[in-house]
Amino acid sequence: DNTDGQLGDGTRGTYRITPVQVSGLGNIIAITAGYSHTVALKDDGTVWAWGSNSDG
């Protein structure tokens, strides 16, 4: 339900049924999502995360 902003689109509490690219974040080679967070690996080796940070 995007309560923690895990969709990365600047909204909270919204539902999405189709994927969309996160604005300003390109060259992703791997991505994973948990219950309330998302983590992406870029081709330059940097890791980006968004959503809940309640457990780390």
PDB file of N, CA and C in Angstrom:
ATOM      1  N   ASP A   1       0.808  -1.202   0.000  1.00  0.00           N
ATOM      2  CA  ASP A   1       0.000   0.000   0.000  1.00  0.00           C
ATOM      3  C   ASP A   1       0.851   1.265   0.000  1.00  0.00           C
ATOM      4  N   ASN A   2       2.168   1.132  -0.107  1.00  0.00           N
ATOM      5  CA  ASN A   2       3.083   2.266  -0.232  1.00  0.00           C
ATOM      6  C   ASN A   2       3.070   3.178   0.996  1.00  0.00           C
ATOM      7  N   THR A   3       2.730   2.651   2.145  1.00  0.00           N
ATOM      8  CA  THR A   3       2.684   3.441   3.367  1.00  0.00           C
ATOM      9  C   THR A   3       4.015   4.108   3.682  1.00  0.00           C
ATOM     10  N   ASP A   4       5.111   3.445   3.360  1.00  0.00           N
ATOM     11  CA  ASP A   4       6.436   3.959   3.695  1.00  0.00           C
ATOM     12  C   ASP A   4       7.171   4.553   2.502  1.00  0.00           C
ATOM     13  N   GLY A   5       6.483   4.793   1.404  1.00  0.00           N
ATOM     14  CA  GLY A   5       7.123   5.380   0.230  1.00  0.00           C
ATOM     15  C   GLY A   5       7.983   4.403  -0.551  1.00  0.00           C
ATOM     16  N   GLN A   6       7.742   3.108  -0.370  1.00  0.00           N
ATOM     17  CA  GLN A   6       8.585   2.105  -1.008  1.00  0.00           C
ATOM     18  C   GLN A   6       8.460   2.058  -2.527  1.00  0.00           C
ATOM     19  N   LEU A   7       7.476   2.713  -3.104  1.00  0.00           N
ATOM     20  CA  LEU A   7       7.384   2.767  -4.568  1.00  0.00           C
ATOM     21  C   LEU A   7       8.345   3.778  -5.171  1.00  0.00           C
ATOM     22  N   GLY A   8       8.816   4.713  -4.372  1.00  0.00           N
ATOM     23  CA  GLY A   8       9.812   5.666  -4.846  1.00  0.00           C
ATOM     24  C   GLY A   8       9.291   6.747  -5.768  1.00  0.00           C
ATOM     25  N   ASP A   9       7.976   6.944  -5.787  1.00  0.00           N
ATOM     26  CA  ASP A   9       7.407   7.958  -6.682  1.00  0.00           C
ATOM     27  C   ASP A   9       7.002   9.239  -5.963  1.00  0.00           C
ATOM     28  N   GLY A  10       7.427   9.386  -4.706  1.00  0.00           N
ATOM     29  CA  GLY A  10       7.127  10.598  -3.956  1.00  0.00           C
ATOM     30  C   GLY A  10       5.777  10.601  -3.268  1.00  0.00           C
ATOM     31  N   THR A  11       5.043   9.500  -3.369  1.00  0.00           N
ATOM     32  CA  THR A  11       3.735   9.423  -2.730  1.00  0.00           C
ATOM     33  C   THR A  11       3.773   8.411  -1.595  1.00  0.00           C
ATOM     34  N   ARG A  12       2.735   8.453  -0.770  1.00  0.00           N
ATOM     35  CA  ARG A  12       2.544   7.462   0.292  1.00  0.00           C
ATOM     36  C   ARG A  12       1.082   7.052   0.296  1.00  0.00           C
ATOM     37  N   GLY A  13       0.842   5.792   0.590  1.00  0.00           N
ATOM     38  CA  GLY A  13      -0.529   5.309   0.702  1.00  0.00           C
ATOM     39  C   GLY A  13      -1.230   5.101  -0.625  1.00  0.00           C
ATOM     40  N   THR A  14      -0.491   5.082  -1.720  1.00  0.00           N
ATOM     41  CA  THR A  14      -1.090   4.866  -3.033  1.00  0.00           C
ATOM     42  C   THR A  14      -0.820   3.445  -3.507  1.00  0.00           C
ATOM     43  N   TYR A  15      -1.734   2.900  -4.281  1.00  0.00           N
ATOM     44  CA  TYR A  15      -1.575   1.571  -4.850  1.00  0.00           C
ATOM     45  C   TYR A  15      -1.192   1.696  -6.312  1.00  0.00           C
ATOM     46  N   ARG A  16      -0.322   0.812  -6.781  1.00  0.00           N
ATOM     47  CA  ARG A  16       0.059   0.777  -8.192  1.00  0.00           C
ATOM     48  C   ARG A  16       0.012  -0.676  -8.651  1.00  0.00           C
ATOM     49  N   ILE A  17      -0.561  -0.913  -9.815  1.00  0.00           N
ATOM     50  CA  ILE A  17      -0.593  -2.274 -10.346  1.00  0.00           C
ATOM     51  C   ILE A  17       0.314  -2.440 -11.553  1.00  0.00           C
ATOM     52  N   THR A  18       0.860  -1.335 -12.060  1.00  0.00           N
ATOM     53  CA  THR A  18       1.801  -1.411 -13.172  1.00  0.00           C
ATOM     54  C   THR A  18       3.108  -0.743 -12.762  1.00  0.00           C
ATOM     55  N   PRO A  19       4.240  -1.316 -13.163  1.00  0.00           N
ATOM     56  CA  PRO A  19       5.525  -0.724 -12.789  1.00  0.00           C
ATOM     57  C   PRO A  19       5.805   0.570 -13.538  1.00  0.00           C
ATOM     58  N   VAL A  20       6.494   1.488 -12.876  1.00  0.00           N
ATOM     59  CA  VAL A  20       6.945   2.731 -13.499  1.00  0.00           C
ATOM     60  C   VAL A  20       8.380   2.983 -13.063  1.00  0.00           C
ATOM     61  N   GLN A  21       9.142   3.677 -13.891  1.00  0.00           N
ATOM     62  CA  GLN A  21      10.527   3.987 -13.552  1.00  0.00           C
ATOM     63  C   GLN A  21      10.576   5.058 -12.473  1.00  0.00           C
ATOM     64  N   VAL A  22      11.479   4.888 -11.521  1.00  0.00           N
ATOM     65  CA  VAL A  22      11.692   5.888 -10.485  1.00  0.00           C
ATOM     66  C   VAL A  22      12.414   7.067 -11.126  1.00  0.00           C
ATOM     67  N   SER A  23      11.848   8.238 -11.010  1.00  0.00           N
ATOM     68  CA  SER A  23      12.408   9.431 -11.623  1.00  0.00           C
ATOM     69  C   SER A  23      13.815   9.707 -11.102  1.00  0.00           C
ATOM     70  N   GLY A  24      14.738   9.972 -12.019  1.00  0.00           N
ATOM     71  CA  GLY A  24      16.099  10.313 -11.645  1.00  0.00           C
ATOM     72  C   GLY A  24      16.984   9.128 -11.309  1.00  0.00           C
ATOM     73  N   LEU A  25      16.488   7.920 -11.486  1.00  0.00           N
ATOM     74  CA  LEU A  25      17.262   6.727 -11.148  1.00  0.00           C
ATOM     75  C   LEU A  25      17.299   5.802 -12.358  1.00  0.00           C
ATOM     76  N   GLY A  26      18.450   5.770 -13.032  1.00  0.00           N
ATOM     77  CA  GLY A  26      18.586   4.926 -14.214  1.00  0.00           C
ATOM     78  C   GLY A  26      19.756   3.976 -14.074  1.00  0.00           C
ATOM     79  N   ASN A  27      19.994   3.204 -15.106  1.00  0.00           N
ATOM     80  CA  ASN A  27      21.107   2.247 -15.169  1.00  0.00           C
ATOM     81  C   ASN A  27      21.060   1.216 -14.046  1.00  0.00           C
ATOM     82  N   ILE A  28      19.867   0.741 -13.728  1.00  0.00           N
ATOM     83  CA  ILE A  28      19.676  -0.267 -12.688  1.00  0.00           C
ATOM     84  C   ILE A  28      19.955  -1.650 -13.278  1.00  0.00           C
ATOM     85  N   ILE A  29      20.776  -2.442 -12.571  1.00  0.00           N
ATOM     86  CA  ILE A  29      21.061  -3.795 -13.048  1.00  0.00           C
ATOM     87  C   ILE A  29      20.395  -4.864 -12.185  1.00  0.00           C
ATOM     88  N   ALA A  30      19.950  -4.489 -10.984  1.00  0.00           N
ATOM     89  CA  ALA A  30      19.235  -5.420 -10.114  1.00  0.00           C
ATOM     90  C   ALA A  30      18.359  -4.617  -9.167  1.00  0.00           C
ATOM     91  N   ILE A  31      17.217  -5.209  -8.823  1.00  0.00           N
ATOM     92  CA  ILE A  31      16.306  -4.538  -7.893  1.00  0.00           C
ATOM     93  C   ILE A  31      15.572  -5.598  -7.089  1.00  0.00           C
ATOM     94  N   THR A  32      15.285  -5.270  -5.846  1.00  0.00           N
ATOM     95  CA  THR A  32      14.519  -6.169  -4.999  1.00  0.00           C
ATOM     96  C   THR A  32      13.630  -5.329  -4.087  1.00  0.00           C
ATOM     97  N   ALA A  33      12.557  -5.920  -3.636  1.00  0.00           N
ATOM     98  CA  ALA A  33      11.625  -5.200  -2.770  1.00  0.00           C
ATOM     99  C   ALA A  33      11.198  -6.090  -1.622  1.00  0.00           C
ATOM    100  N   GLY A  34      11.061  -5.481  -0.468  1.00  0.00           N
ATOM    101  CA  GLY A  34      10.537  -6.162   0.699  1.00  0.00           C
ATOM    102  C   GLY A  34       9.150  -5.623   1.008  1.00  0.00           C
ATOM    103  N   TYR A  35       8.662  -5.920   2.188  1.00  0.00           N
ATOM    104  CA  TYR A  35       7.320  -5.491   2.575  1.00  0.00           C
ATOM    105  C   TYR A  35       7.172  -3.974   2.553  1.00  0.00           C
ATOM    106  N   SER A  36       8.202  -3.245   3.004  1.00  0.00           N
ATOM    107  CA  SER A  36       8.065  -1.790   3.084  1.00  0.00           C
ATOM    108  C   SER A  36       9.323  -1.047   2.637  1.00  0.00           C
ATOM    109  N   HIS A  37      10.118  -1.672   1.765  1.00  0.00           N
ATOM    110  CA  HIS A  37      11.321  -1.012   1.256  1.00  0.00           C
ATOM    111  C   HIS A  37      11.673  -1.561  -0.125  1.00  0.00           C
ATOM    112  N   THR A  38      12.521  -0.830  -0.825  1.00  0.00           N
ATOM    113  CA  THR A  38      13.028  -1.251  -2.125  1.00  0.00           C
ATOM    114  C   THR A  38      14.513  -0.931  -2.177  1.00  0.00           C
ATOM    115  N   VAL A  39      15.295  -1.808  -2.810  1.00  0.00           N
ATOM    116  CA  VAL A  39      16.736  -1.620  -2.940  1.00  0.00           C
ATOM    117  C   VAL A  39      17.119  -1.878  -4.389  1.00  0.00           C
ATOM    118  N   ALA A  40      17.933  -0.981  -4.963  1.00  0.00           N
ATOM    119  CA  ALA A  40      18.364  -1.116  -6.353  1.00  0.00           C
ATOM    120  C   ALA A  40      19.878  -1.021  -6.440  1.00  0.00           C
ATOM    121  N   LEU A  41      20.465  -1.806  -7.347  1.00  0.00           N
ATOM    122  CA  LEU A  41      21.896  -1.775  -7.620  1.00  0.00           C
ATOM    123  C   LEU A  41      22.102  -1.161  -8.993  1.00  0.00           C
ATOM    124  N   LYS A  42      22.904  -0.093  -9.049  1.00  0.00           N
ATOM    125  CA  LYS A  42      23.194   0.568 -10.320  1.00  0.00           C
ATOM    126  C   LYS A  42      24.430  -0.051 -10.960  1.00  0.00           C
ATOM    127  N   ASP A  43      24.600   0.188 -12.250  1.00  0.00           N
ATOM    128  CA  ASP A  43      25.733  -0.390 -12.970  1.00  0.00           C
ATOM    129  C   ASP A  43      27.082   0.173 -12.534  1.00  0.00           C
ATOM    130  N   ASP A  44      27.090   1.266 -11.774  1.00  0.00           N
ATOM    131  CA  ASP A  44      28.353   1.809 -11.261  1.00  0.00           C
ATOM    132  C   ASP A  44      28.704   1.251  -9.881  1.00  0.00           C
ATOM    133  N   GLY A  45      27.901   0.307  -9.384  1.00  0.00           N
ATOM    134  CA  GLY A  45      28.163  -0.340  -8.106  1.00  0.00           C
ATOM    135  C   GLY A  45      27.500   0.309  -6.910  1.00  0.00           C
ATOM    136  N   THR A  46      26.845   1.463  -7.092  1.00  0.00           N
ATOM    137  CA  THR A  46      26.172   2.106  -5.965  1.00  0.00           C
ATOM    138  C   THR A  46      24.839   1.422  -5.696  1.00  0.00           C
ATOM    139  N   VAL A  47      24.445   1.446  -4.443  1.00  0.00           N
ATOM    140  CA  VAL A  47      23.192   0.847  -4.008  1.00  0.00           C
ATOM    141  C   VAL A  47      22.282   1.958  -3.514  1.00  0.00           C
ATOM    142  N   TRP A  48      21.051   1.949  -3.969  1.00  0.00           N
ATOM    143  CA  TRP A  48      20.057   2.950  -3.585  1.00  0.00           C
ATOM    144  C   TRP A  48      18.907   2.226  -2.889  1.00  0.00           C
ATOM    145  N   ALA A  49      18.408   2.821  -1.812  1.00  0.00           N
ATOM    146  CA  ALA A  49      17.307   2.220  -1.072  1.00  0.00           C
ATOM    147  C   ALA A  49      16.304   3.292  -0.685  1.00  0.00           C
ATOM    148  N   TRP A  50      15.037   2.908  -0.599  1.00  0.00           N
ATOM    149  CA  TRP A  50      13.999   3.840  -0.182  1.00  0.00           C
ATOM    150  C   TRP A  50      12.864   3.056   0.444  1.00  0.00           C
ATOM    151  N   GLY A  51      12.020   3.767   1.180  1.00  0.00           N
ATOM    152  CA  GLY A  51      10.933   3.153   1.926  1.00  0.00           C
ATOM    153  C   GLY A  51      11.235   3.215   3.410  1.00  0.00           C
ATOM    154  N   SER A  52      10.783   2.218   4.143  1.00  0.00           N
ATOM    155  CA  SER A  52      10.967   2.190   5.592  1.00  0.00           C
ATOM    156  C   SER A  52      12.417   1.906   5.958  1.00  0.00           C
ATOM    157  N   ASN A  53      12.890   2.591   6.971  1.00  0.00           N
ATOM    158  CA  ASN A  53      14.223   2.352   7.507  1.00  0.00           C
ATOM    159  C   ASN A  53      14.118   1.992   8.988  1.00  0.00           C
ATOM    160  N   SER A  54      13.022   1.346   9.365  1.00  0.00           N
ATOM    161  CA  SER A  54      12.773   1.076  10.779  1.00  0.00           C
ATOM    162  C   SER A  54      13.663  -0.025  11.355  1.00  0.00           C
ATOM    163  N   ASP A  55      14.229  -0.864  10.516  1.00  0.00           N
ATOM    164  CA  ASP A  55      15.052  -1.971  11.014  1.00  0.00           C
ATOM    165  C   ASP A  55      16.470  -1.928  10.476  1.00  0.00           C
ATOM    166  N   GLY A  56      16.979  -0.785  10.162  1.00  0.00           N
ATOM    167  CA  GLY A  56      18.358  -0.714   9.721  1.00  0.00           C
ATOM    168  C   GLY A  56      18.554   0.317   8.700  1.00  0.00           C
TER     169      GLY A  56
END
